[in-house]
Amino acid sequence: MIYALAGFWLIPDFPTMPNPRSFWLRPQDIDMAVQRTSQFRRTANKKFTWQTVKRTARSPLLYFFATLYPACVLAQAGYQCEY
């Protein structure tokens, strides 16, 4: 609980939208982060739209991973049994 609250104030967020509660970030740090972001050709984060949610719900990858993950977890559970 303490770590979650500390993270709420200390995690700096995104370079284009710095967290105002991160008092320890200097303007030079933010400028360096923005420069690195453009250097590695990363785009800015976008907000979720209804179109994005629909596209994700229609994606077969979502259902593939939603099925595969529990199967992998249950497969490992067989090794934990002691007879």
N, C-alpha and C. Protein backbone atom coordinates (compact mmCIF):
# COMPACT_ATOMS: atom_id res chain seq x y z
N MET A 1 0.83 -1.19 0.00
CA MET A 1 0.00 0.00 0.00
C MET A 1 0.87 1.26 0.00
N ILE A 2 1.94 1.21 0.78
CA ILE A 2 2.83 2.38 0.85
C ILE A 2 3.51 2.60 -0.49
N TYR A 3 3.93 1.50 -1.13
CA TYR A 3 4.60 1.63 -2.42
C TYR A 3 3.65 2.15 -3.49
N ALA A 4 2.41 1.74 -3.43
CA ALA A 4 1.43 2.24 -4.40
C ALA A 4 1.21 3.73 -4.24
N LEU A 5 1.11 4.19 -3.02
CA LEU A 5 0.95 5.63 -2.79
C LEU A 5 2.19 6.41 -3.19
N ALA A 6 3.37 5.85 -2.91
CA ALA A 6 4.61 6.51 -3.31
C ALA A 6 4.71 6.58 -4.83
N GLY A 7 4.31 5.51 -5.50
CA GLY A 7 4.34 5.51 -6.96
C GLY A 7 3.38 6.52 -7.56
N PHE A 8 2.28 6.75 -6.88
CA PHE A 8 1.31 7.73 -7.37
C PHE A 8 1.93 9.11 -7.45
N TRP A 9 2.83 9.42 -6.52
CA TRP A 9 3.48 10.74 -6.53
C TRP A 9 4.83 10.75 -7.24
N LEU A 10 5.53 9.64 -7.26
CA LEU A 10 6.90 9.67 -7.74
C LEU A 10 7.09 9.20 -9.18
N ILE A 11 6.18 8.40 -9.72
CA ILE A 11 6.34 7.95 -11.10
C ILE A 11 6.08 9.13 -12.02
N PRO A 12 7.02 9.42 -12.91
CA PRO A 12 6.94 10.68 -13.64
C PRO A 12 5.92 10.75 -14.77
N ASP A 13 5.28 9.68 -15.17
CA ASP A 13 4.30 9.67 -16.23
C ASP A 13 5.01 9.67 -17.58
N PHE A 14 4.51 10.38 -18.56
CA PHE A 14 5.08 10.39 -19.91
C PHE A 14 5.86 11.68 -20.13
N PRO A 15 6.89 11.65 -21.00
CA PRO A 15 7.68 12.87 -21.22
C PRO A 15 6.85 14.04 -21.75
N THR A 16 5.86 13.75 -22.56
CA THR A 16 5.05 14.85 -23.11
C THR A 16 4.03 15.38 -22.12
N MET A 17 3.71 14.58 -21.09
CA MET A 17 2.76 14.99 -20.06
C MET A 17 3.34 14.67 -18.69
N PRO A 18 4.31 15.42 -18.20
CA PRO A 18 4.92 15.08 -16.91
C PRO A 18 3.92 15.20 -15.76
N ASN A 19 4.08 14.32 -14.80
CA ASN A 19 3.22 14.30 -13.63
C ASN A 19 3.53 15.54 -12.78
N PRO A 20 2.57 16.41 -12.53
CA PRO A 20 2.84 17.61 -11.73
C PRO A 20 3.20 17.28 -10.28
N ARG A 21 2.86 16.07 -9.80
CA ARG A 21 3.21 15.69 -8.43
C ARG A 21 4.66 15.22 -8.32
N SER A 22 5.34 15.01 -9.46
CA SER A 22 6.75 14.59 -9.43
C SER A 22 7.62 15.83 -9.27
N PHE A 23 7.69 16.30 -8.04
CA PHE A 23 8.40 17.54 -7.74
C PHE A 23 9.90 17.42 -7.97
N TRP A 24 10.44 16.22 -8.00
CA TRP A 24 11.87 16.04 -8.13
C TRP A 24 12.36 16.13 -9.57
N LEU A 25 11.44 16.12 -10.55
CA LEU A 25 11.85 16.23 -11.95
C LEU A 25 12.20 17.68 -12.28
N ARG A 26 13.38 17.87 -12.81
CA ARG A 26 13.79 19.21 -13.22
C ARG A 26 13.41 19.42 -14.68
N PRO A 27 13.30 20.64 -15.13
CA PRO A 27 12.98 20.89 -16.55
C PRO A 27 14.01 20.27 -17.50
N GLN A 28 15.28 20.19 -17.09
CA GLN A 28 16.29 19.57 -17.93
C GLN A 28 16.00 18.08 -18.12
N ASP A 29 15.50 17.43 -17.06
CA ASP A 29 15.18 16.01 -17.15
C ASP A 29 14.03 15.78 -18.13
N ILE A 30 13.04 16.64 -18.06
CA ILE A 30 11.90 16.51 -18.97
C ILE A 30 12.33 16.76 -20.41
N ASP A 31 13.17 17.78 -20.63
CA ASP A 31 13.66 18.05 -21.98
C ASP A 31 14.47 16.88 -22.53
N MET A 32 15.29 16.26 -21.67
CA MET A 32 16.08 15.11 -22.10
C MET A 32 15.17 13.93 -22.46
N ALA A 33 14.12 13.72 -21.70
CA ALA A 33 13.20 12.63 -21.99
C ALA A 33 12.47 12.86 -23.30
N VAL A 34 12.06 14.10 -23.56
CA VAL A 34 11.39 14.41 -24.83
C VAL A 34 12.35 14.22 -25.99
N GLN A 35 13.60 14.61 -25.81
CA GLN A 35 14.60 14.45 -26.86
C GLN A 35 14.85 12.97 -27.14
N ARG A 36 14.95 12.16 -26.12
CA ARG A 36 15.15 10.73 -26.33
C ARG A 36 13.95 10.10 -27.01
N THR A 37 12.77 10.55 -26.65
CA THR A 37 11.56 10.02 -27.29
C THR A 37 11.58 10.29 -28.79
N SER A 38 11.96 11.49 -29.19
CA SER A 38 12.01 11.80 -30.61
C SER A 38 13.19 11.11 -31.29
N GLN A 39 14.28 10.91 -30.56
CA GLN A 39 15.46 10.25 -31.13
C GLN A 39 15.13 8.80 -31.51
N PHE A 40 14.34 8.13 -30.69
CA PHE A 40 13.99 6.75 -30.97
C PHE A 40 12.67 6.63 -31.73
N ARG A 41 12.19 7.75 -32.24
CA ARG A 41 10.98 7.82 -33.10
C ARG A 41 9.75 7.21 -32.44
N ARG A 42 9.57 7.51 -31.18
CA ARG A 42 8.36 7.06 -30.49
C ARG A 42 7.30 8.13 -30.62
N THR A 43 6.10 7.71 -30.84
CA THR A 43 5.02 8.67 -30.97
C THR A 43 4.45 8.98 -29.59
N ALA A 44 3.76 10.07 -29.51
CA ALA A 44 3.12 10.45 -28.25
C ALA A 44 1.95 9.51 -27.97
N ASN A 45 1.64 9.36 -26.70
CA ASN A 45 0.52 8.51 -26.32
C ASN A 45 -0.79 9.15 -26.71
N LYS A 46 -1.71 8.30 -27.11
CA LYS A 46 -3.03 8.78 -27.52
C LYS A 46 -4.06 8.29 -26.52
N LYS A 47 -5.15 9.00 -26.44
CA LYS A 47 -6.23 8.60 -25.54
C LYS A 47 -7.04 7.49 -26.20
N PHE A 48 -7.69 6.69 -25.34
CA PHE A 48 -8.57 5.65 -25.84
C PHE A 48 -9.81 6.28 -26.45
N THR A 49 -10.21 5.74 -27.56
CA THR A 49 -11.47 6.16 -28.18
C THR A 49 -12.36 4.94 -28.30
N TRP A 50 -13.60 5.17 -28.61
CA TRP A 50 -14.54 4.06 -28.79
C TRP A 50 -14.10 3.20 -29.97
N GLN A 51 -13.52 3.80 -30.98
CA GLN A 51 -13.02 3.07 -32.14
C GLN A 51 -11.88 2.12 -31.74
N THR A 52 -11.02 2.56 -30.85
CA THR A 52 -9.92 1.72 -30.38
C THR A 52 -10.45 0.52 -29.60
N VAL A 53 -11.43 0.75 -28.77
CA VAL A 53 -12.01 -0.34 -27.98
C VAL A 53 -12.68 -1.35 -28.90
N LYS A 54 -13.40 -0.89 -29.89
CA LYS A 54 -14.05 -1.81 -30.83
C LYS A 54 -13.02 -2.61 -31.62
N ARG A 55 -11.95 -1.94 -32.06
CA ARG A 55 -10.92 -2.63 -32.84
C ARG A 55 -10.24 -3.70 -31.98
N THR A 56 -10.01 -3.41 -30.71
CA THR A 56 -9.40 -4.38 -29.82
C THR A 56 -10.33 -5.55 -29.56
N ALA A 57 -11.61 -5.30 -29.39
CA ALA A 57 -12.57 -6.37 -29.13
C ALA A 57 -12.72 -7.28 -30.34
N ARG A 58 -12.49 -6.78 -31.53
CA ARG A 58 -12.60 -7.59 -32.75
C ARG A 58 -11.30 -8.32 -33.09
N SER A 59 -10.25 -8.02 -32.39
CA SER A 59 -8.95 -8.63 -32.70
C SER A 59 -8.89 -10.07 -32.21
N PRO A 60 -8.47 -10.99 -33.06
CA PRO A 60 -8.36 -12.38 -32.60
C PRO A 60 -7.23 -12.58 -31.59
N LEU A 61 -6.25 -11.69 -31.58
CA LEU A 61 -5.16 -11.83 -30.62
C LEU A 61 -5.65 -11.72 -29.18
N LEU A 62 -6.62 -10.87 -28.95
CA LEU A 62 -7.17 -10.72 -27.60
C LEU A 62 -7.70 -12.05 -27.09
N TYR A 63 -8.45 -12.75 -27.91
CA TYR A 63 -9.05 -14.01 -27.51
C TYR A 63 -8.02 -15.13 -27.46
N PHE A 64 -7.02 -15.05 -28.32
CA PHE A 64 -5.95 -16.03 -28.30
C PHE A 64 -5.19 -15.97 -26.98
N PHE A 65 -4.78 -14.78 -26.57
CA PHE A 65 -4.06 -14.64 -25.32
C PHE A 65 -4.95 -14.89 -24.11
N ALA A 66 -6.21 -14.50 -24.20
CA ALA A 66 -7.13 -14.74 -23.08
C ALA A 66 -7.37 -16.23 -22.88
N THR A 67 -7.22 -17.03 -23.90
CA THR A 67 -7.36 -18.48 -23.78
C THR A 67 -6.03 -19.13 -23.42
N LEU A 68 -4.97 -18.66 -24.01
CA LEU A 68 -3.67 -19.28 -23.81
C LEU A 68 -3.12 -19.06 -22.41
N TYR A 69 -3.30 -17.90 -21.84
CA TYR A 69 -2.73 -17.61 -20.52
C TYR A 69 -3.28 -18.55 -19.44
N PRO A 70 -4.61 -18.70 -19.30
CA PRO A 70 -5.08 -19.65 -18.27
C PRO A 70 -4.64 -21.09 -18.55
N ALA A 71 -4.53 -21.45 -19.83
CA ALA A 71 -4.07 -22.81 -20.15
C ALA A 71 -2.64 -23.02 -19.66
N CYS A 72 -1.79 -22.03 -19.84
CA CYS A 72 -0.39 -22.14 -19.37
C CYS A 72 -0.32 -22.17 -17.85
N VAL A 73 -1.14 -21.39 -17.20
CA VAL A 73 -1.13 -21.36 -15.73
C VAL A 73 -1.64 -22.70 -15.18
N LEU A 74 -2.69 -23.23 -15.76
CA LEU A 74 -3.22 -24.50 -15.29
C LEU A 74 -2.27 -25.66 -15.60
N ALA A 75 -1.53 -25.57 -16.69
CA ALA A 75 -0.56 -26.63 -17.01
C ALA A 75 0.54 -26.68 -15.97
N GLN A 76 0.95 -25.53 -15.45
CA GLN A 76 1.99 -25.50 -14.42
C GLN A 76 1.46 -26.00 -13.07
N ALA A 77 0.18 -25.90 -12.86
CA ALA A 77 -0.39 -26.31 -11.57
C ALA A 77 -0.24 -27.81 -11.34
N GLY A 78 -0.14 -28.59 -12.40
CA GLY A 78 0.02 -30.02 -12.25
C GLY A 78 1.33 -30.40 -11.62
N TYR A 79 2.35 -29.59 -11.75
CA TYR A 79 3.65 -29.89 -11.16
C TYR A 79 3.70 -29.57 -9.67
N GLN A 80 2.74 -28.87 -9.15
CA GLN A 80 2.76 -28.46 -7.76
C GLN A 80 2.14 -29.48 -6.82
N CYS A 81 1.50 -30.48 -7.36
CA CYS A 81 0.84 -31.47 -6.53
C CYS A 81 1.87 -32.41 -5.91
N GLU A 82 1.64 -32.74 -4.64
CA GLU A 82 2.49 -33.71 -3.95
C GLU A 82 1.64 -34.92 -3.63
N TYR A 83 2.17 -36.07 -3.97
CA TYR A 83 1.41 -37.31 -3.71
C TYR A 83 2.00 -38.04 -2.55
